[in-house]
Amino acid sequence: MKPSASKNLSANLSLLVLLFITQGLRADDLLYVYGPECGACRKFQSEAGAIYPKTEAAEYMPLIKVTLEDWQAGRHPLNACETKPVYGTPTFLQIADCREVDRITGYSNNELFWFALERMLNRSKGEE
């Protein structure tokens, strides 16, 4: 990704999150189902996961981490919510009003994660 494209994406994401916050919209949750031995999970954590809590997106859609084992056993804060099964890691579930709205399955690189996250934020706003 070119540096200017990265800045534009970051600026667009920041503006979208700012609009959500200033309009008083309810935050969604981003449930991150991971595996301790998962290579893609470790890559996510070292790239996007390391900076996610510091972003404006995290203010709108907080990241909740849960292992696949805990997910399958129902040991997580959103276990009563309506979701589809999760079979692999990493999986990111966007939860709004206790139902799954969107998901990202897998992680290959930072750029694709942020694009998918922007799609999730747009879906919350009703643009998709």
N, C-alpha and C. Protein backbone atom coordinates (compact mmCIF):
# COMPACT_ATOMS: atom_id res chain seq x y z
N MET A 1 0.84 -1.17 0.00
CA MET A 1 0.00 0.00 0.00
C MET A 1 0.88 1.23 0.00
N LYS A 2 0.57 2.19 -0.86
CA LYS A 2 1.32 3.43 -0.90
C LYS A 2 1.06 4.23 0.37
N PRO A 3 2.07 4.98 0.84
CA PRO A 3 1.88 5.77 2.06
C PRO A 3 0.69 6.72 1.97
N SER A 4 0.46 7.34 0.82
CA SER A 4 -0.66 8.27 0.70
C SER A 4 -1.99 7.53 0.78
N ALA A 5 -2.06 6.32 0.22
CA ALA A 5 -3.29 5.53 0.30
C ALA A 5 -3.55 5.11 1.74
N SER A 6 -2.49 4.77 2.46
CA SER A 6 -2.62 4.39 3.86
C SER A 6 -3.13 5.56 4.68
N LYS A 7 -2.61 6.76 4.42
CA LYS A 7 -3.06 7.95 5.14
C LYS A 7 -4.52 8.25 4.82
N ASN A 8 -4.92 8.09 3.55
CA ASN A 8 -6.31 8.34 3.16
C ASN A 8 -7.24 7.36 3.86
N LEU A 9 -6.87 6.09 3.90
CA LEU A 9 -7.69 5.08 4.56
C LEU A 9 -7.80 5.42 6.04
N SER A 10 -6.69 5.77 6.66
CA SER A 10 -6.70 6.11 8.08
C SER A 10 -7.56 7.35 8.33
N ALA A 11 -7.46 8.35 7.47
CA ALA A 11 -8.26 9.56 7.63
C ALA A 11 -9.73 9.26 7.44
N ASN A 12 -10.09 8.43 6.45
CA ASN A 12 -11.49 8.08 6.22
C ASN A 12 -12.05 7.31 7.40
N LEU A 13 -11.29 6.37 7.92
CA LEU A 13 -11.72 5.58 9.06
C LEU A 13 -11.91 6.47 10.28
N SER A 14 -10.97 7.38 10.51
CA SER A 14 -11.06 8.30 11.64
C SER A 14 -12.29 9.19 11.52
N LEU A 15 -12.57 9.68 10.33
CA LEU A 15 -13.74 10.53 10.12
C LEU A 15 -15.03 9.76 10.36
N LEU A 16 -15.10 8.54 9.87
CA LEU A 16 -16.28 7.72 10.05
C LEU A 16 -16.53 7.44 11.53
N VAL A 17 -15.48 7.11 12.26
CA VAL A 17 -15.62 6.84 13.69
C VAL A 17 -16.03 8.11 14.42
N LEU A 18 -15.45 9.23 14.06
CA LEU A 18 -15.80 10.51 14.68
C LEU A 18 -17.28 10.82 14.46
N LEU A 19 -17.79 10.55 13.27
CA LEU A 19 -19.21 10.77 13.00
C LEU A 19 -20.08 9.89 13.89
N PHE A 20 -19.71 8.64 14.09
CA PHE A 20 -20.46 7.76 14.97
C PHE A 20 -20.49 8.32 16.39
N ILE A 21 -19.34 8.72 16.87
CA ILE A 21 -19.24 9.18 18.25
C ILE A 21 -20.01 10.48 18.45
N THR A 22 -19.86 11.43 17.54
CA THR A 22 -20.52 12.72 17.71
C THR A 22 -22.02 12.63 17.50
N GLN A 23 -22.49 11.63 16.77
CA GLN A 23 -23.93 11.48 16.57
C GLN A 23 -24.55 10.61 17.66
N GLY A 24 -23.73 10.18 18.63
CA GLY A 24 -24.23 9.42 19.76
C GLY A 24 -24.72 8.02 19.42
N LEU A 25 -24.20 7.42 18.39
CA LEU A 25 -24.62 6.07 18.02
C LEU A 25 -24.04 5.05 18.99
N ARG A 26 -24.79 3.99 19.22
CA ARG A 26 -24.37 2.93 20.13
C ARG A 26 -23.21 2.16 19.55
N ALA A 27 -22.27 1.84 20.40
CA ALA A 27 -21.10 1.07 19.96
C ALA A 27 -21.46 -0.39 19.74
N ASP A 28 -20.82 -0.98 18.76
CA ASP A 28 -20.88 -2.42 18.55
C ASP A 28 -19.69 -3.03 19.29
N ASP A 29 -19.66 -4.35 19.35
CA ASP A 29 -18.50 -5.06 19.88
C ASP A 29 -17.83 -5.81 18.74
N LEU A 30 -16.52 -5.92 18.81
CA LEU A 30 -15.77 -6.71 17.85
C LEU A 30 -15.17 -7.87 18.63
N LEU A 31 -15.79 -9.04 18.49
CA LEU A 31 -15.35 -10.23 19.19
C LEU A 31 -14.27 -10.91 18.37
N TYR A 32 -13.10 -11.06 18.95
CA TYR A 32 -11.93 -11.64 18.29
C TYR A 32 -11.73 -13.04 18.84
N VAL A 33 -12.05 -14.05 18.03
CA VAL A 33 -11.86 -15.45 18.42
C VAL A 33 -10.50 -15.88 17.89
N TYR A 34 -9.63 -16.30 18.79
CA TYR A 34 -8.25 -16.60 18.40
C TYR A 34 -7.79 -17.93 19.00
N GLY A 35 -6.68 -18.40 18.51
CA GLY A 35 -6.04 -19.60 19.05
C GLY A 35 -4.63 -19.23 19.49
N PRO A 36 -4.22 -19.63 20.69
CA PRO A 36 -2.88 -19.29 21.18
C PRO A 36 -1.75 -19.78 20.26
N GLU A 37 -1.97 -20.86 19.55
CA GLU A 37 -0.94 -21.41 18.66
C GLU A 37 -1.14 -21.01 17.20
N CYS A 38 -2.11 -20.19 16.92
CA CYS A 38 -2.46 -19.79 15.55
C CYS A 38 -1.46 -18.77 15.00
N GLY A 39 -0.79 -19.11 13.91
CA GLY A 39 0.18 -18.20 13.30
C GLY A 39 -0.45 -16.92 12.79
N ALA A 40 -1.62 -17.00 12.15
CA ALA A 40 -2.31 -15.80 11.65
C ALA A 40 -2.76 -14.92 12.82
N CYS A 41 -3.12 -15.53 13.94
CA CYS A 41 -3.52 -14.76 15.13
C CYS A 41 -2.33 -13.99 15.69
N ARG A 42 -1.17 -14.65 15.73
CA ARG A 42 0.03 -13.97 16.21
C ARG A 42 0.42 -12.83 15.28
N LYS A 43 0.26 -13.05 13.98
CA LYS A 43 0.56 -11.99 13.01
C LYS A 43 -0.39 -10.82 13.21
N PHE A 44 -1.70 -11.10 13.37
CA PHE A 44 -2.66 -10.03 13.63
C PHE A 44 -2.26 -9.25 14.88
N GLN A 45 -1.94 -9.99 15.95
CA GLN A 45 -1.61 -9.32 17.20
C GLN A 45 -0.39 -8.41 17.07
N SER A 46 0.60 -8.83 16.32
CA SER A 46 1.81 -8.02 16.18
C SER A 46 1.62 -6.85 15.22
N GLU A 47 0.67 -6.94 14.31
CA GLU A 47 0.44 -5.86 13.34
C GLU A 47 -0.76 -5.01 13.79
N ALA A 48 -1.94 -5.36 13.36
CA ALA A 48 -3.13 -4.55 13.64
C ALA A 48 -3.55 -4.60 15.10
N GLY A 49 -3.44 -5.77 15.72
CA GLY A 49 -3.88 -5.92 17.11
C GLY A 49 -3.11 -5.05 18.09
N ALA A 50 -1.86 -4.82 17.79
CA ALA A 50 -1.03 -4.00 18.69
C ALA A 50 -1.45 -2.54 18.71
N ILE A 51 -1.99 -2.05 17.59
CA ILE A 51 -2.38 -0.64 17.54
C ILE A 51 -3.89 -0.43 17.65
N TYR A 52 -4.68 -1.49 17.46
CA TYR A 52 -6.14 -1.34 17.46
C TYR A 52 -6.67 -0.62 18.70
N PRO A 53 -6.24 -0.97 19.91
CA PRO A 53 -6.79 -0.29 21.09
C PRO A 53 -6.52 1.21 21.12
N LYS A 54 -5.55 1.68 20.36
CA LYS A 54 -5.20 3.10 20.33
C LYS A 54 -5.94 3.87 19.25
N THR A 55 -6.78 3.19 18.45
CA THR A 55 -7.46 3.84 17.34
C THR A 55 -8.85 4.33 17.76
N GLU A 56 -9.38 5.25 16.97
CA GLU A 56 -10.74 5.72 17.19
C GLU A 56 -11.74 4.60 16.92
N ALA A 57 -11.39 3.67 16.05
CA ALA A 57 -12.28 2.53 15.78
C ALA A 57 -12.53 1.74 17.05
N ALA A 58 -11.52 1.61 17.90
CA ALA A 58 -11.67 0.87 19.16
C ALA A 58 -12.64 1.55 20.11
N GLU A 59 -12.76 2.87 20.00
CA GLU A 59 -13.73 3.58 20.84
C GLU A 59 -15.15 3.25 20.41
N TYR A 60 -15.36 3.06 19.14
CA TYR A 60 -16.68 2.71 18.63
C TYR A 60 -16.95 1.22 18.74
N MET A 61 -15.95 0.41 18.42
CA MET A 61 -16.13 -1.04 18.37
C MET A 61 -15.01 -1.70 19.18
N PRO A 62 -15.18 -1.78 20.51
CA PRO A 62 -14.13 -2.38 21.35
C PRO A 62 -13.87 -3.84 20.99
N LEU A 63 -12.60 -4.23 21.07
CA LEU A 63 -12.17 -5.58 20.76
C LEU A 63 -12.27 -6.45 22.01
N ILE A 64 -13.00 -7.54 21.91
CA ILE A 64 -13.13 -8.50 23.00
C ILE A 64 -12.45 -9.78 22.55
N LYS A 65 -11.40 -10.17 23.25
CA LYS A 65 -10.64 -11.38 22.88
C LYS A 65 -11.18 -12.60 23.61
N VAL A 66 -11.34 -13.68 22.85
CA VAL A 66 -11.77 -14.95 23.45
C VAL A 66 -11.12 -16.09 22.66
N THR A 67 -10.62 -17.09 23.37
CA THR A 67 -10.02 -18.23 22.66
C THR A 67 -11.11 -19.05 21.99
N LEU A 68 -10.73 -19.80 20.97
CA LEU A 68 -11.68 -20.67 20.28
C LEU A 68 -12.27 -21.68 21.26
N GLU A 69 -11.43 -22.19 22.15
CA GLU A 69 -11.90 -23.16 23.16
C GLU A 69 -12.98 -22.54 24.05
N ASP A 70 -12.74 -21.31 24.52
CA ASP A 70 -13.74 -20.64 25.36
C ASP A 70 -14.99 -20.31 24.55
N TRP A 71 -14.81 -19.92 23.29
CA TRP A 71 -15.95 -19.63 22.42
C TRP A 71 -16.85 -20.86 22.30
N GLN A 72 -16.23 -21.99 21.98
CA GLN A 72 -17.00 -23.22 21.78
C GLN A 72 -17.67 -23.70 23.06
N ALA A 73 -17.09 -23.38 24.22
CA ALA A 73 -17.67 -23.77 25.50
C ALA A 73 -18.67 -22.73 26.02
N GLY A 74 -18.84 -21.63 25.29
CA GLY A 74 -19.76 -20.58 25.72
C GLY A 74 -19.25 -19.72 26.85
N ARG A 75 -17.93 -19.72 27.05
CA ARG A 75 -17.32 -18.92 28.12
C ARG A 75 -16.81 -17.60 27.56
N HIS A 76 -17.73 -16.70 27.26
CA HIS A 76 -17.37 -15.36 26.79
C HIS A 76 -18.54 -14.43 27.08
N PRO A 77 -18.32 -13.14 27.10
CA PRO A 77 -19.36 -12.20 27.53
C PRO A 77 -20.56 -12.09 26.58
N LEU A 78 -20.45 -12.57 25.37
CA LEU A 78 -21.55 -12.44 24.41
C LEU A 78 -22.16 -13.80 24.06
N ASN A 79 -22.06 -14.76 24.97
CA ASN A 79 -22.49 -16.12 24.65
C ASN A 79 -24.00 -16.24 24.42
N ALA A 80 -24.79 -15.32 24.90
CA ALA A 80 -26.24 -15.38 24.69
C ALA A 80 -26.67 -14.73 23.37
N CYS A 81 -25.73 -14.13 22.66
CA CYS A 81 -26.06 -13.43 21.42
C CYS A 81 -26.23 -14.39 20.25
N GLU A 82 -26.95 -13.92 19.26
CA GLU A 82 -27.22 -14.71 18.05
C GLU A 82 -26.03 -14.61 17.10
N THR A 83 -25.30 -15.71 16.94
CA THR A 83 -24.15 -15.75 16.05
C THR A 83 -24.12 -17.07 15.30
N LYS A 84 -23.36 -17.09 14.21
CA LYS A 84 -23.12 -18.32 13.47
C LYS A 84 -21.92 -19.03 14.11
N PRO A 85 -21.77 -20.33 13.88
CA PRO A 85 -20.63 -21.05 14.46
C PRO A 85 -19.28 -20.49 13.97
N VAL A 86 -18.29 -20.63 14.81
CA VAL A 86 -16.91 -20.27 14.48
C VAL A 86 -16.11 -21.56 14.51
N TYR A 87 -15.42 -21.83 13.40
CA TYR A 87 -14.65 -23.07 13.29
C TYR A 87 -13.15 -22.84 13.23
N GLY A 88 -12.73 -21.65 12.82
CA GLY A 88 -11.30 -21.39 12.64
C GLY A 88 -10.90 -20.06 13.23
N THR A 89 -9.60 -19.91 13.37
CA THR A 89 -9.07 -18.67 13.92
C THR A 89 -8.09 -18.05 12.95
N PRO A 90 -7.96 -16.75 12.98
CA PRO A 90 -8.78 -15.81 13.73
C PRO A 90 -10.11 -15.54 13.02
N THR A 91 -11.11 -15.26 13.82
CA THR A 91 -12.41 -14.82 13.32
C THR A 91 -12.81 -13.60 14.13
N PHE A 92 -13.27 -12.58 13.44
CA PHE A 92 -13.69 -11.33 14.07
C PHE A 92 -15.19 -11.18 13.81
N LEU A 93 -15.98 -11.11 14.88
CA LEU A 93 -17.42 -11.00 14.76
C LEU A 93 -17.87 -9.62 15.21
N GLN A 94 -18.57 -8.93 14.37
CA GLN A 94 -19.17 -7.65 14.74
C GLN A 94 -20.54 -7.96 15.33
N ILE A 95 -20.73 -7.58 16.59
CA ILE A 95 -21.97 -7.85 17.31
C ILE A 95 -22.66 -6.53 17.62
N ALA A 96 -23.91 -6.40 17.22
CA ALA A 96 -24.73 -5.23 17.52
C ALA A 96 -26.09 -5.71 17.98
N ASP A 97 -26.57 -5.14 19.05
CA ASP A 97 -27.88 -5.54 19.60
C ASP A 97 -27.97 -7.05 19.80
N CYS A 98 -26.89 -7.63 20.24
CA CYS A 98 -26.78 -9.06 20.56
C CYS A 98 -27.03 -9.97 19.36
N ARG A 99 -26.64 -9.52 18.19
CA ARG A 99 -26.69 -10.38 17.01
C ARG A 99 -25.48 -10.08 16.13
N GLU A 100 -25.05 -11.10 15.41
CA GLU A 100 -23.91 -10.95 14.51
C GLU A 100 -24.34 -10.14 13.29
N VAL A 101 -23.58 -9.09 13.02
CA VAL A 101 -23.86 -8.21 11.89
C VAL A 101 -22.94 -8.53 10.72
N ASP A 102 -21.68 -8.81 11.03
CA ASP A 102 -20.67 -9.04 10.01
C ASP A 102 -19.54 -9.84 10.64
N ARG A 103 -18.66 -10.36 9.80
CA ARG A 103 -17.49 -11.07 10.31
C ARG A 103 -16.33 -10.99 9.34
N ILE A 104 -15.14 -11.12 9.89
CA ILE A 104 -13.91 -11.26 9.12
C ILE A 104 -13.35 -12.62 9.50
N THR A 105 -13.10 -13.46 8.52
CA THR A 105 -12.53 -14.77 8.79
C THR A 105 -11.11 -14.79 8.26
N GLY A 106 -10.16 -15.06 9.14
CA GLY A 106 -8.77 -15.11 8.76
C GLY A 106 -8.09 -13.75 8.86
N TYR A 107 -6.79 -13.78 8.71
CA TYR A 107 -5.98 -12.57 8.70
C TYR A 107 -4.77 -12.83 7.83
N SER A 108 -4.63 -12.02 6.78
CA SER A 108 -3.45 -12.18 5.94
C SER A 108 -2.51 -10.99 6.03
N ASN A 109 -3.10 -9.79 6.15
CA ASN A 109 -2.24 -8.62 6.31
C ASN A 109 -3.02 -7.44 6.89
N ASN A 110 -2.27 -6.48 7.32
CA ASN A 110 -2.78 -5.27 7.97
C ASN A 110 -3.77 -4.52 7.07
N GLU A 111 -3.39 -4.33 5.82
CA GLU A 111 -4.21 -3.55 4.89
C GLU A 111 -5.60 -4.15 4.72
N LEU A 112 -5.68 -5.46 4.50
CA LEU A 112 -6.98 -6.10 4.30
C LEU A 112 -7.83 -6.04 5.57
N PHE A 113 -7.21 -6.15 6.73
CA PHE A 113 -7.96 -6.05 7.98
C PHE A 113 -8.62 -4.68 8.10
N TRP A 114 -7.86 -3.60 7.85
CA TRP A 114 -8.42 -2.26 8.00
C TRP A 114 -9.51 -1.99 6.97
N PHE A 115 -9.37 -2.51 5.76
CA PHE A 115 -10.43 -2.37 4.76
C PHE A 115 -11.70 -3.08 5.22
N ALA A 116 -11.56 -4.29 5.75
CA ALA A 116 -12.71 -5.04 6.23
C ALA A 116 -13.35 -4.35 7.44
N LEU A 117 -12.53 -3.78 8.29
CA LEU A 117 -13.05 -3.06 9.45
C LEU A 117 -13.85 -1.84 9.00
N GLU A 118 -13.36 -1.15 7.98
CA GLU A 118 -14.11 0.00 7.45
C GLU A 118 -15.46 -0.47 6.91
N ARG A 119 -15.51 -1.64 6.26
CA ARG A 119 -16.78 -2.19 5.79
C ARG A 119 -17.72 -2.42 6.96
N MET A 120 -17.19 -2.94 8.07
CA MET A 120 -18.02 -3.17 9.25
C MET A 120 -18.60 -1.86 9.78
N LEU A 121 -17.77 -0.85 9.85
CA LEU A 121 -18.25 0.44 10.34
C LEU A 121 -19.30 1.02 9.40
N ASN A 122 -19.11 0.86 8.10
CA ASN A 122 -20.11 1.32 7.13
C ASN A 122 -21.42 0.57 7.30
N ARG A 123 -21.34 -0.73 7.53
CA ARG A 123 -22.54 -1.53 7.72
C ARG A 123 -23.30 -1.06 8.96
N SER A 124 -22.60 -0.71 10.01
CA SER A 124 -23.26 -0.20 11.22
C SER A 124 -23.99 1.10 10.93
N LYS A 125 -23.41 1.88 10.07
CA LYS A 125 -24.01 3.17 9.72
C LYS A 125 -25.17 3.00 8.75
N GLY A 126 -25.30 1.79 8.16
CA GLY A 126 -26.39 1.53 7.24
C GLY A 126 -26.08 1.89 5.81
N GLU A 127 -24.78 1.99 5.48
CA GLU A 127 -24.40 2.35 4.12
C GLU A 127 -24.31 1.15 3.19
N GLU A 128 -24.35 -0.07 3.72
CA GLU A 128 -24.27 -1.25 2.85
C GLU A 128 -25.57 -1.99 2.91
